[in-house]
């Protein structure tokens, strides 16, 4: 069993909370189990991550990252569809 440093655990929590990626993906990218990451989140998540107006900005940032990822996926699908239909035209 690998013993991770406190800094590694805190950085993993920061990435999980701010990246907008699914926790399973973050855990896989870091080479740890999903349940391990979940335990670190419970242990290291600040009780007052941000306060007041900062909290609103953090929520808006998270929402915009998700929206941005969805829009990129939609754009990629449309690009592929355009290429597909362009090949069929004589």
N, C-alpha and C. Protein backbone atom coordinates (compact mmCIF):
# COMPACT_ATOMS: atom_id res chain seq x y z
N UNK A 1 0.84 -1.17 0.00
CA UNK A 1 0.00 0.00 0.00
C UNK A 1 0.89 1.24 0.00
N UNK A 2 0.58 2.19 -0.88
CA UNK A 2 1.37 3.41 -1.01
C UNK A 2 0.87 4.42 0.02
N UNK A 3 1.80 5.01 0.72
CA UNK A 3 1.47 6.06 1.68
C UNK A 3 1.67 7.40 0.99
N UNK A 4 0.58 8.14 0.79
CA UNK A 4 0.65 9.43 0.12
C UNK A 4 0.88 10.53 1.14
N UNK A 5 1.61 11.57 0.71
CA UNK A 5 1.89 12.69 1.59
C UNK A 5 0.64 13.53 1.80
N UNK A 6 0.65 14.31 2.86
CA UNK A 6 -0.48 15.19 3.15
C UNK A 6 -0.68 16.19 2.01
N UNK A 7 0.41 16.68 1.43
CA UNK A 7 0.33 17.63 0.32
C UNK A 7 -0.36 17.00 -0.88
N UNK A 8 -0.01 15.74 -1.16
CA UNK A 8 -0.63 15.03 -2.28
C UNK A 8 -2.13 14.91 -2.06
N UNK A 9 -2.51 14.54 -0.84
CA UNK A 9 -3.93 14.37 -0.53
C UNK A 9 -4.68 15.69 -0.66
N UNK A 10 -4.09 16.77 -0.14
CA UNK A 10 -4.74 18.07 -0.22
C UNK A 10 -4.85 18.54 -1.66
N UNK A 11 -3.84 18.29 -2.47
CA UNK A 11 -3.88 18.66 -3.88
C UNK A 11 -4.93 17.83 -4.62
N UNK A 12 -5.04 16.56 -4.28
CA UNK A 12 -6.06 15.71 -4.90
C UNK A 12 -7.46 16.24 -4.58
N UNK A 13 -7.67 16.67 -3.35
CA UNK A 13 -8.96 17.24 -2.95
C UNK A 13 -9.22 18.51 -3.73
N UNK A 14 -8.21 19.36 -3.86
CA UNK A 14 -8.38 20.62 -4.60
C UNK A 14 -8.76 20.33 -6.05
N UNK A 15 -8.08 19.38 -6.66
CA UNK A 15 -8.38 19.03 -8.06
C UNK A 15 -9.80 18.48 -8.17
N UNK A 16 -10.18 17.60 -7.26
CA UNK A 16 -11.51 17.01 -7.31
C UNK A 16 -12.60 18.06 -7.16
N UNK A 17 -12.35 19.09 -6.36
CA UNK A 17 -13.36 20.10 -6.11
C UNK A 17 -13.41 21.17 -7.18
N UNK A 18 -12.31 21.41 -7.88
CA UNK A 18 -12.27 22.55 -8.79
C UNK A 18 -12.18 22.18 -10.27
N UNK A 19 -11.87 20.94 -10.59
CA UNK A 19 -11.63 20.59 -11.99
C UNK A 19 -12.91 20.46 -12.81
N UNK A 20 -14.02 20.13 -12.17
CA UNK A 20 -15.25 19.90 -12.91
C UNK A 20 -15.33 18.50 -13.50
N UNK A 21 -14.32 17.70 -13.26
CA UNK A 21 -14.31 16.32 -13.76
C UNK A 21 -15.01 15.40 -12.77
N UNK A 22 -15.54 14.28 -13.25
CA UNK A 22 -16.13 13.31 -12.33
C UNK A 22 -15.08 12.79 -11.35
N UNK A 23 -15.50 12.48 -10.15
CA UNK A 23 -14.56 12.03 -9.12
C UNK A 23 -13.86 10.74 -9.54
N UNK A 24 -14.57 9.86 -10.23
CA UNK A 24 -13.96 8.61 -10.68
C UNK A 24 -12.80 8.90 -11.64
N UNK A 25 -12.98 9.88 -12.51
CA UNK A 25 -11.92 10.25 -13.46
C UNK A 25 -10.72 10.84 -12.74
N UNK A 26 -10.98 11.73 -11.77
CA UNK A 26 -9.88 12.33 -11.00
C UNK A 26 -9.11 11.25 -10.26
N UNK A 27 -9.84 10.33 -9.63
CA UNK A 27 -9.20 9.25 -8.89
C UNK A 27 -8.34 8.40 -9.82
N UNK A 28 -8.87 8.05 -10.99
CA UNK A 28 -8.12 7.23 -11.94
C UNK A 28 -6.88 7.98 -12.44
N UNK A 29 -7.03 9.27 -12.72
CA UNK A 29 -5.89 10.06 -13.19
C UNK A 29 -4.78 10.14 -12.14
N UNK A 30 -5.18 10.18 -10.88
CA UNK A 30 -4.20 10.27 -9.80
C UNK A 30 -3.67 8.90 -9.36
N UNK A 31 -4.29 7.84 -9.85
CA UNK A 31 -3.85 6.50 -9.51
C UNK A 31 -4.28 6.05 -8.12
N UNK A 32 -5.42 6.56 -7.67
CA UNK A 32 -5.97 6.14 -6.37
C UNK A 32 -7.38 5.63 -6.58
N UNK A 33 -7.91 4.93 -5.61
CA UNK A 33 -9.27 4.43 -5.71
C UNK A 33 -10.29 5.54 -5.48
N UNK A 34 -11.47 5.34 -6.04
CA UNK A 34 -12.54 6.33 -5.87
C UNK A 34 -12.92 6.49 -4.40
N UNK A 35 -12.94 5.37 -3.67
CA UNK A 35 -13.28 5.45 -2.25
C UNK A 35 -12.19 6.15 -1.46
N UNK A 36 -10.94 5.99 -1.87
CA UNK A 36 -9.83 6.68 -1.21
C UNK A 36 -9.96 8.18 -1.41
N UNK A 37 -10.27 8.59 -2.64
CA UNK A 37 -10.46 10.01 -2.91
C UNK A 37 -11.65 10.54 -2.10
N UNK A 38 -12.70 9.77 -2.01
CA UNK A 38 -13.86 10.17 -1.22
C UNK A 38 -13.52 10.37 0.25
N UNK A 39 -12.67 9.49 0.78
CA UNK A 39 -12.24 9.64 2.18
C UNK A 39 -11.41 10.89 2.34
N UNK A 40 -10.52 11.16 1.40
CA UNK A 40 -9.71 12.37 1.47
C UNK A 40 -10.59 13.61 1.39
N UNK A 41 -11.62 13.55 0.56
CA UNK A 41 -12.53 14.70 0.46
C UNK A 41 -13.20 14.96 1.81
N UNK A 42 -13.61 13.90 2.47
CA UNK A 42 -14.25 14.06 3.78
C UNK A 42 -13.25 14.58 4.81
N UNK A 43 -12.00 14.13 4.73
CA UNK A 43 -10.99 14.51 5.72
C UNK A 43 -10.41 15.90 5.49
N UNK A 44 -10.20 16.27 4.23
CA UNK A 44 -9.44 17.48 3.92
C UNK A 44 -10.27 18.63 3.38
N UNK A 45 -11.53 18.39 3.09
CA UNK A 45 -12.35 19.48 2.56
C UNK A 45 -12.50 20.54 3.64
N UNK A 46 -12.14 21.76 3.30
CA UNK A 46 -12.32 22.82 4.29
C UNK A 46 -13.80 23.00 4.60
N UNK A 47 -14.11 23.20 5.87
CA UNK A 47 -15.51 23.38 6.23
C UNK A 47 -16.06 24.65 5.63
N UNK A 48 -15.22 25.66 5.53
CA UNK A 48 -15.63 26.92 4.92
C UNK A 48 -14.72 27.15 3.72
N UNK A 49 -14.99 26.42 2.64
CA UNK A 49 -14.15 26.46 1.46
C UNK A 49 -13.95 27.90 0.99
N UNK A 50 -15.01 28.59 0.80
CA UNK A 50 -15.00 30.01 0.48
C UNK A 50 -16.24 30.61 1.11
N UNK A 51 -16.19 31.88 1.37
CA UNK A 51 -17.33 32.49 2.03
C UNK A 51 -17.85 33.69 1.24
N UNK A 52 -19.10 34.03 1.51
CA UNK A 52 -19.72 35.22 0.92
C UNK A 52 -19.72 35.22 -0.58
N UNK A 53 -19.32 36.37 -1.15
CA UNK A 53 -19.32 36.51 -2.61
C UNK A 53 -18.39 35.52 -3.29
N UNK A 54 -17.34 35.10 -2.59
CA UNK A 54 -16.42 34.12 -3.16
C UNK A 54 -17.12 32.79 -3.44
N UNK A 55 -18.05 32.43 -2.57
CA UNK A 55 -18.79 31.18 -2.76
C UNK A 55 -19.61 31.23 -4.03
N UNK A 56 -20.24 32.38 -4.28
CA UNK A 56 -21.02 32.54 -5.51
C UNK A 56 -20.12 32.44 -6.74
N UNK A 57 -18.93 33.03 -6.65
CA UNK A 57 -18.00 32.95 -7.78
C UNK A 57 -17.52 31.53 -8.01
N UNK A 58 -17.28 30.79 -6.94
CA UNK A 58 -16.84 29.41 -7.08
C UNK A 58 -17.93 28.55 -7.72
N UNK A 59 -19.17 28.74 -7.31
CA UNK A 59 -20.28 27.99 -7.91
C UNK A 59 -20.46 28.35 -9.38
N UNK A 60 -20.37 29.63 -9.69
CA UNK A 60 -20.50 30.08 -11.07
C UNK A 60 -19.36 29.52 -11.92
N UNK A 61 -18.17 29.50 -11.39
CA UNK A 61 -17.02 28.96 -12.09
C UNK A 61 -17.22 27.47 -12.39
N UNK A 62 -17.70 26.73 -11.42
CA UNK A 62 -17.96 25.31 -11.61
C UNK A 62 -19.03 25.09 -12.68
N UNK A 63 -20.09 25.90 -12.63
CA UNK A 63 -21.17 25.78 -13.61
C UNK A 63 -20.66 26.10 -15.01
N UNK A 64 -19.84 27.13 -15.13
CA UNK A 64 -19.31 27.52 -16.44
C UNK A 64 -18.35 26.47 -17.01
N UNK A 65 -17.57 25.83 -16.15
CA UNK A 65 -16.68 24.77 -16.62
C UNK A 65 -17.49 23.60 -17.18
N UNK A 66 -18.55 23.24 -16.49
CA UNK A 66 -19.41 22.16 -16.97
C UNK A 66 -20.05 22.54 -18.30
N UNK A 67 -20.58 23.77 -18.38
CA UNK A 67 -21.20 24.24 -19.61
C UNK A 67 -20.19 24.27 -20.75
N UNK A 68 -18.97 24.71 -20.47
CA UNK A 68 -17.93 24.76 -21.47
C UNK A 68 -17.60 23.37 -22.00
N UNK A 69 -17.50 22.39 -21.10
CA UNK A 69 -17.20 21.02 -21.51
C UNK A 69 -18.31 20.47 -22.40
N UNK A 70 -19.57 20.74 -22.04
CA UNK A 70 -20.70 20.27 -22.85
C UNK A 70 -20.68 20.92 -24.23
N UNK A 71 -20.43 22.22 -24.27
CA UNK A 71 -20.39 22.92 -25.56
C UNK A 71 -19.27 22.40 -26.46
N UNK A 72 -18.12 22.08 -25.88
CA UNK A 72 -17.03 21.53 -26.67
C UNK A 72 -17.42 20.17 -27.26
N UNK A 73 -18.09 19.35 -26.45
CA UNK A 73 -18.53 18.04 -26.95
C UNK A 73 -19.54 18.21 -28.07
N UNK A 74 -20.47 19.15 -27.91
CA UNK A 74 -21.46 19.39 -28.97
C UNK A 74 -20.79 19.89 -30.24
N UNK A 75 -19.82 20.78 -30.09
CA UNK A 75 -19.09 21.30 -31.25
C UNK A 75 -18.38 20.18 -31.99
N UNK A 76 -17.73 19.29 -31.24
CA UNK A 76 -17.02 18.18 -31.86
C UNK A 76 -17.97 17.26 -32.63
N UNK A 77 -19.15 17.02 -32.07
CA UNK A 77 -20.15 16.19 -32.75
C UNK A 77 -20.59 16.86 -34.04
N UNK A 78 -20.82 18.17 -34.00
CA UNK A 78 -21.23 18.89 -35.21
C UNK A 78 -20.13 18.89 -36.26
N UNK A 79 -18.88 19.01 -35.84
CA UNK A 79 -17.77 18.95 -36.80
C UNK A 79 -17.74 17.61 -37.52
N UNK A 80 -17.91 16.53 -36.74
CA UNK A 80 -17.90 15.19 -37.33
C UNK A 80 -19.08 15.00 -38.27
N UNK A 81 -20.24 15.52 -37.89
CA UNK A 81 -21.42 15.40 -38.75
C UNK A 81 -21.21 16.17 -40.05
N UNK A 82 -20.62 17.35 -39.95
CA UNK A 82 -20.35 18.16 -41.15
C UNK A 82 -19.41 17.43 -42.08
N UNK A 83 -18.38 16.82 -41.56
CA UNK A 83 -17.44 16.06 -42.38
C UNK A 83 -18.11 14.86 -43.02
N UNK A 84 -18.98 14.19 -42.26
CA UNK A 84 -19.68 13.03 -42.78
C UNK A 84 -20.56 13.40 -43.95
N UNK A 85 -21.36 14.45 -43.79
CA UNK A 85 -22.28 14.85 -44.84
C UNK A 85 -21.57 15.50 -46.02
N UNK A 86 -20.41 16.10 -45.80
CA UNK A 86 -19.66 16.68 -46.90
C UNK A 86 -19.11 15.60 -47.81
N UNK A 87 -18.80 14.43 -47.27
CA UNK A 87 -18.28 13.32 -48.06
C UNK A 87 -19.36 12.74 -48.96
N UNK A 88 -20.61 12.82 -48.55
CA UNK A 88 -21.70 12.21 -49.32
C UNK A 88 -22.15 13.06 -50.49
N UNK A 89 -21.80 14.34 -50.49
CA UNK A 89 -22.23 15.21 -51.60
C UNK A 89 -21.36 14.95 -52.83
N UNK A 90 -21.99 14.88 -54.02
CA UNK A 90 -21.20 14.64 -55.25
C UNK A 90 -20.46 15.86 -55.70
